[in-house]
Amino acid sequence: MSSIENKGRSGAVRQKLLRWVDLAKMEKHGRRDDISSQRRKVRDESPLYFGGSDLKDLRNAHMQGVKTSSKGACIHAIVQFPSKLIDGCDPGQQFNMLVHARKFLNEYHGGDAVFAARLDRDEAGRHTVDVFLMPRYDYHYKDGRILKKASVSKFSKEEAKRRYGR
């Protein structure tokens, strides 16, 4: 198959660390309170949410009692599903994309990471899920104490070591 024949047959994931100001912009975008989201709107359908639209509050609740050294607010992941394999118009498929994106990123980031996700159904493309996460884990001290910590890179580093041996 040529690259043209493969177009739309594969998915993709992109991740980026967000600062607090970026998280506020994402929250505004999700609520359709910014110019960019108004320009992208092509139909009158509300988004599907996991968690809700109050990203700062959801992140703070997720991080309650968790120690972090990260200066960033969270990781924003965009999960793009293959348009040739999923049409994205069916509400059941849309819900499944939201569930699968959360599950995939939770598994990749240690099992306890995702605090919010959104699938925008009013935009032209119906195959993209925005996921917001801050990976959490239990840190075990030698004396037996356990502390809940968060790290934006711990699980990515572990995956790189598993795959590439370094």
C-alpha atoms as a PDB file:
ATOM      1  CA  MET A   1       0.000   0.000   0.000  1.00  0.00           C
ATOM      2  CA  SER A   2       1.157   3.493  -0.733  1.00  0.00           C
ATOM      3  CA  SER A   3       1.112   6.235   1.884  1.00  0.00           C
ATOM      4  CA  ILE A   4      -2.019   7.672   0.232  1.00  0.00           C
ATOM      5  CA  GLU A   5      -3.825   4.326   0.605  1.00  0.00           C
ATOM      6  CA  ASN A   6      -2.806   4.177   4.287  1.00  0.00           C
ATOM      7  CA  LYS A   7      -4.142   7.656   5.051  1.00  0.00           C
ATOM      8  CA  GLY A   8      -6.681   7.468   7.856  1.00  0.00           C
ATOM      9  CA  ARG A   9      -5.845   3.856   8.768  1.00  0.00           C
ATOM     10  CA  SER A  10      -3.601   4.520  11.739  1.00  0.00           C
ATOM     11  CA  GLY A  11      -4.063   6.372  14.969  1.00  0.00           C
ATOM     12  CA  ALA A  12      -1.671   8.650  16.799  1.00  0.00           C
ATOM     13  CA  VAL A  13      -0.976  10.010  20.281  1.00  0.00           C
ATOM     14  CA  ARG A  14       0.759  13.289  21.028  1.00  0.00           C
ATOM     15  CA  GLN A  15       1.605  14.411  24.571  1.00  0.00           C
ATOM     16  CA  LYS A  16       2.704  17.771  25.885  1.00  0.00           C
ATOM     17  CA  LEU A  17       3.348  19.140  29.353  1.00  0.00           C
ATOM     18  CA  LEU A  18       0.978  22.012  30.133  1.00  0.00           C
ATOM     19  CA  ARG A  19       1.749  24.965  32.335  1.00  0.00           C
ATOM     20  CA  TRP A  20      -1.032  26.371  34.519  1.00  0.00           C
ATOM     21  CA  VAL A  21      -1.764  29.119  32.015  1.00  0.00           C
ATOM     22  CA  ASP A  22      -2.074  26.494  29.251  1.00  0.00           C
ATOM     23  CA  LEU A  23      -4.462  24.425  31.371  1.00  0.00           C
ATOM     24  CA  ALA A  24      -6.656  27.506  31.860  1.00  0.00           C
ATOM     25  CA  LYS A  25      -6.700  28.006  28.072  1.00  0.00           C
ATOM     26  CA  MET A  26      -7.657  24.352  27.549  1.00  0.00           C
ATOM     27  CA  GLU A  27     -10.483  24.731  30.043  1.00  0.00           C
ATOM     28  CA  LYS A  28     -11.716  27.821  28.212  1.00  0.00           C
ATOM     29  CA  HIS A  29     -11.472  26.010  24.879  1.00  0.00           C
ATOM     30  CA  GLY A  30     -13.426  23.023  26.212  1.00  0.00           C
ATOM     31  CA  ARG A  31     -16.220  25.323  27.347  1.00  0.00           C
ATOM     32  CA  ARG A  32     -16.213  27.032  23.921  1.00  0.00           C
ATOM     33  CA  ASP A  33     -15.329  30.390  25.497  1.00  0.00           C
ATOM     34  CA  ASP A  34     -12.475  31.208  23.098  1.00  0.00           C
ATOM     35  CA  ILE A  35     -12.264  32.356  19.478  1.00  0.00           C
ATOM     36  CA  SER A  36     -10.478  29.203  18.276  1.00  0.00           C
ATOM     37  CA  SER A  37     -13.256  26.900  19.440  1.00  0.00           C
ATOM     38  CA  GLN A  38     -15.908  29.112  17.843  1.00  0.00           C
ATOM     39  CA  ARG A  39     -14.072  28.981  14.492  1.00  0.00           C
ATOM     40  CA  ARG A  40     -13.852  25.185  14.610  1.00  0.00           C
ATOM     41  CA  LYS A  41     -17.545  24.699  15.327  1.00  0.00           C
ATOM     42  CA  VAL A  42     -19.421  23.126  12.400  1.00  0.00           C
ATOM     43  CA  ARG A  43     -22.368  21.492  14.207  1.00  0.00           C
ATOM     44  CA  ASP A  44     -24.370  21.984  17.351  1.00  0.00           C
ATOM     45  CA  GLU A  45     -23.383  18.990  19.497  1.00  0.00           C
ATOM     46  CA  SER A  46     -22.096  19.125  23.038  1.00  0.00           C
ATOM     47  CA  PRO A  47     -18.810  17.387  23.936  1.00  0.00           C
ATOM     48  CA  LEU A  48     -18.523  14.074  25.737  1.00  0.00           C
ATOM     49  CA  TYR A  49     -16.668  14.394  29.033  1.00  0.00           C
ATOM     50  CA  PHE A  50     -14.960  12.155  31.498  1.00  0.00           C
ATOM     51  CA  GLY A  51     -14.658  14.100  34.750  1.00  0.00           C
ATOM     52  CA  GLY A  52     -16.094  17.366  33.497  1.00  0.00           C
ATOM     53  CA  SER A  53     -14.989  20.692  32.069  1.00  0.00           C
ATOM     54  CA  ASP A  54     -13.460  22.275  35.215  1.00  0.00           C
ATOM     55  CA  LEU A  55      -9.907  21.112  34.505  1.00  0.00           C
ATOM     56  CA  LYS A  56      -8.181  23.068  37.281  1.00  0.00           C
ATOM     57  CA  ASP A  57     -10.600  21.749  39.924  1.00  0.00           C
ATOM     58  CA  LEU A  58     -10.368  18.192  38.564  1.00  0.00           C
ATOM     59  CA  ARG A  59      -6.571  18.366  38.564  1.00  0.00           C
ATOM     60  CA  ASN A  60      -6.497  19.713  42.127  1.00  0.00           C
ATOM     61  CA  ALA A  61      -8.847  16.961  43.344  1.00  0.00           C
ATOM     62  CA  HIS A  62      -6.705  14.349  41.547  1.00  0.00           C
ATOM     63  CA  MET A  63      -3.581  15.715  43.261  1.00  0.00           C
ATOM     64  CA  GLN A  64      -5.048  15.994  46.787  1.00  0.00           C
ATOM     65  CA  GLY A  65      -2.427  14.567  49.181  1.00  0.00           C
ATOM     66  CA  VAL A  66       0.036  13.835  46.343  1.00  0.00           C
ATOM     67  CA  LYS A  67       3.609  15.134  46.379  1.00  0.00           C
ATOM     68  CA  THR A  68       4.976  16.366  43.067  1.00  0.00           C
ATOM     69  CA  SER A  69       8.161  18.048  41.930  1.00  0.00           C
ATOM     70  CA  SER A  70       6.768  18.984  38.519  1.00  0.00           C
ATOM     71  CA  LYS A  71       6.400  22.663  37.733  1.00  0.00           C
ATOM     72  CA  GLY A  72       3.845  21.816  35.076  1.00  0.00           C
ATOM     73  CA  ALA A  73       0.135  21.494  35.710  1.00  0.00           C
ATOM     74  CA  CYS A  74      -0.401  18.226  33.835  1.00  0.00           C
ATOM     75  CA  ILE A  75       0.110  16.358  30.587  1.00  0.00           C
ATOM     76  CA  HIS A  76      -2.267  17.012  27.698  1.00  0.00           C
ATOM     77  CA  ALA A  77      -2.540  14.075  25.320  1.00  0.00           C
ATOM     78  CA  ILE A  78      -4.319  14.124  21.999  1.00  0.00           C
ATOM     79  CA  VAL A  79      -5.466  10.687  20.902  1.00  0.00           C
ATOM     80  CA  GLN A  80      -6.316  10.545  17.186  1.00  0.00           C
ATOM     81  CA  PHE A  81      -8.333   7.497  16.130  1.00  0.00           C
ATOM     82  CA  PRO A  82      -8.137   6.121  12.560  1.00  0.00           C
ATOM     83  CA  SER A  83     -10.819   7.746  10.410  1.00  0.00           C
ATOM     84  CA  LYS A  84     -10.892   4.872   7.878  1.00  0.00           C
ATOM     85  CA  LEU A  85     -11.669   2.351  10.620  1.00  0.00           C
ATOM     86  CA  ILE A  86     -14.062   4.373  12.802  1.00  0.00           C
ATOM     87  CA  ASP A  87     -16.544   6.810  11.315  1.00  0.00           C
ATOM     88  CA  GLY A  88     -16.900   8.762  14.575  1.00  0.00           C
ATOM     89  CA  CYS A  89     -20.537   9.740  13.986  1.00  0.00           C
ATOM     90  CA  ASP A  90     -22.131   7.041  16.105  1.00  0.00           C
ATOM     91  CA  PRO A  91     -22.620   8.044  19.793  1.00  0.00           C
ATOM     92  CA  GLY A  92     -21.607   4.543  20.881  1.00  0.00           C
ATOM     93  CA  GLN A  93     -18.334   4.802  18.950  1.00  0.00           C
ATOM     94  CA  GLN A  94     -17.717   8.247  20.392  1.00  0.00           C
ATOM     95  CA  PHE A  95     -18.191   6.947  23.923  1.00  0.00           C
ATOM     96  CA  ASN A  96     -15.897   3.979  23.177  1.00  0.00           C
ATOM     97  CA  MET A  97     -13.181   6.323  21.843  1.00  0.00           C
ATOM     98  CA  LEU A  98     -13.354   8.326  25.084  1.00  0.00           C
ATOM     99  CA  VAL A  99     -13.133   5.137  27.182  1.00  0.00           C
ATOM    100  CA  HIS A 100     -10.326   3.610  25.105  1.00  0.00           C
ATOM    101  CA  ALA A 101      -8.214   6.800  25.126  1.00  0.00           C
ATOM    102  CA  ARG A 102      -8.480   7.003  28.932  1.00  0.00           C
ATOM    103  CA  LYS A 103      -7.688   3.313  29.346  1.00  0.00           C
ATOM    104  CA  PHE A 104      -4.693   3.414  26.999  1.00  0.00           C
ATOM    105  CA  LEU A 105      -3.103   6.455  28.665  1.00  0.00           C
ATOM    106  CA  ASN A 106      -3.807   5.177  32.175  1.00  0.00           C
ATOM    107  CA  GLU A 107      -2.102   1.876  31.343  1.00  0.00           C
ATOM    108  CA  TYR A 108       0.872   3.612  29.710  1.00  0.00           C
ATOM    109  CA  HIS A 109       1.301   5.970  32.677  1.00  0.00           C
ATOM    110  CA  GLY A 110       1.137   3.457  35.510  1.00  0.00           C
ATOM    111  CA  GLY A 111      -2.613   2.967  35.968  1.00  0.00           C
ATOM    112  CA  ASP A 112      -3.506   6.092  37.950  1.00  0.00           C
ATOM    113  CA  ALA A 113      -3.054   9.115  35.714  1.00  0.00           C
ATOM    114  CA  VAL A 114      -6.130  10.425  33.874  1.00  0.00           C
ATOM    115  CA  PHE A 115      -8.337  12.975  35.609  1.00  0.00           C
ATOM    116  CA  ALA A 116     -10.270  14.346  32.611  1.00  0.00           C
ATOM    117  CA  ALA A 117     -10.996  13.648  28.968  1.00  0.00           C
ATOM    118  CA  ARG A 118     -13.097  15.300  26.283  1.00  0.00           C
ATOM    119  CA  LEU A 119     -14.297  14.422  22.807  1.00  0.00           C
ATOM    120  CA  ASP A 120     -15.421  17.521  20.901  1.00  0.00           C
ATOM    121  CA  ARG A 121     -18.406  16.569  18.750  1.00  0.00           C
ATOM    122  CA  ASP A 122     -19.047  20.021  17.276  1.00  0.00           C
ATOM    123  CA  GLU A 123     -15.828  20.131  15.212  1.00  0.00           C
ATOM    124  CA  ALA A 124     -15.332  18.766  11.673  1.00  0.00           C
ATOM    125  CA  GLY A 125     -13.085  15.942  12.865  1.00  0.00           C
ATOM    126  CA  ARG A 126     -14.785  13.434  15.146  1.00  0.00           C
ATOM    127  CA  HIS A 127     -11.800  11.211  15.832  1.00  0.00           C
ATOM    128  CA  THR A 128      -9.830  13.141  18.437  1.00  0.00           C
ATOM    129  CA  VAL A 129      -9.956  12.807  22.214  1.00  0.00           C
ATOM    130  CA  ASP A 130      -8.243  15.344  24.499  1.00  0.00           C
ATOM    131  CA  VAL A 131      -6.970  13.660  27.656  1.00  0.00           C
ATOM    132  CA  PHE A 132      -5.594  15.421  30.734  1.00  0.00           C
ATOM    133  CA  LEU A 133      -3.427  13.454  33.116  1.00  0.00           C
ATOM    134  CA  MET A 134      -0.934  13.586  35.934  1.00  0.00           C
ATOM    135  CA  PRO A 135       0.587  10.138  36.599  1.00  0.00           C
ATOM    136  CA  ARG A 136       0.484   9.122  40.271  1.00  0.00           C
ATOM    137  CA  TYR A 137       2.229   6.249  42.011  1.00  0.00           C
ATOM    138  CA  ASP A 138       3.056   4.901  45.472  1.00  0.00           C
ATOM    139  CA  TYR A 139       6.593   5.630  46.633  1.00  0.00           C
ATOM    140  CA  HIS A 140       7.809   3.032  49.160  1.00  0.00           C
ATOM    141  CA  TYR A 141      10.328   4.097  51.773  1.00  0.00           C
ATOM    142  CA  LYS A 142      12.734   1.559  53.284  1.00  0.00           C
ATOM    143  CA  ASP A 143      11.079   1.985  56.684  1.00  0.00           C
ATOM    144  CA  GLY A 144       7.731   0.831  55.218  1.00  0.00           C
ATOM    145  CA  ARG A 145       6.055   4.208  54.795  1.00  0.00           C
ATOM    146  CA  ILE A 146       4.207   4.810  51.547  1.00  0.00           C
ATOM    147  CA  LEU A 147       3.814   8.253  50.013  1.00  0.00           C
ATOM    148  CA  LYS A 148       1.663   9.098  46.993  1.00  0.00           C
ATOM    149  CA  LYS A 149       3.779  10.934  44.410  1.00  0.00           C
ATOM    150  CA  ALA A 150       3.255  12.264  40.892  1.00  0.00           C
ATOM    151  CA  SER A 151       5.686  12.373  38.013  1.00  0.00           C
ATOM    152  CA  VAL A 152       5.260  13.442  34.408  1.00  0.00           C
ATOM    153  CA  SER A 153       8.267  11.403  33.230  1.00  0.00           C
ATOM    154  CA  LYS A 154       8.586   8.334  35.492  1.00  0.00           C
ATOM    155  CA  PHE A 155       6.535   5.973  33.341  1.00  0.00           C
ATOM    156  CA  SER A 156       7.832   7.337  30.031  1.00  0.00           C
ATOM    157  CA  LYS A 157      11.384   6.663  31.245  1.00  0.00           C
ATOM    158  CA  GLU A 158      10.416   3.143  32.362  1.00  0.00           C
ATOM    159  CA  GLU A 159       8.847   2.446  28.954  1.00  0.00           C
ATOM    160  CA  ALA A 160      11.969   3.717  27.168  1.00  0.00           C
ATOM    161  CA  LYS A 161      14.141   1.424  29.305  1.00  0.00           C
ATOM    162  CA  ARG A 162      11.846  -1.525  28.596  1.00  0.00           C
ATOM    163  CA  ARG A 163      11.857  -0.893  24.838  1.00  0.00           C
ATOM    164  CA  TYR A 164      15.412   0.264  24.259  1.00  0.00           C
ATOM    165  CA  GLY A 165      17.341  -0.987  27.282  1.00  0.00           C
ATOM    166  CA  ARG A 166      18.371   2.514  28.357  1.00  0.00           C
END
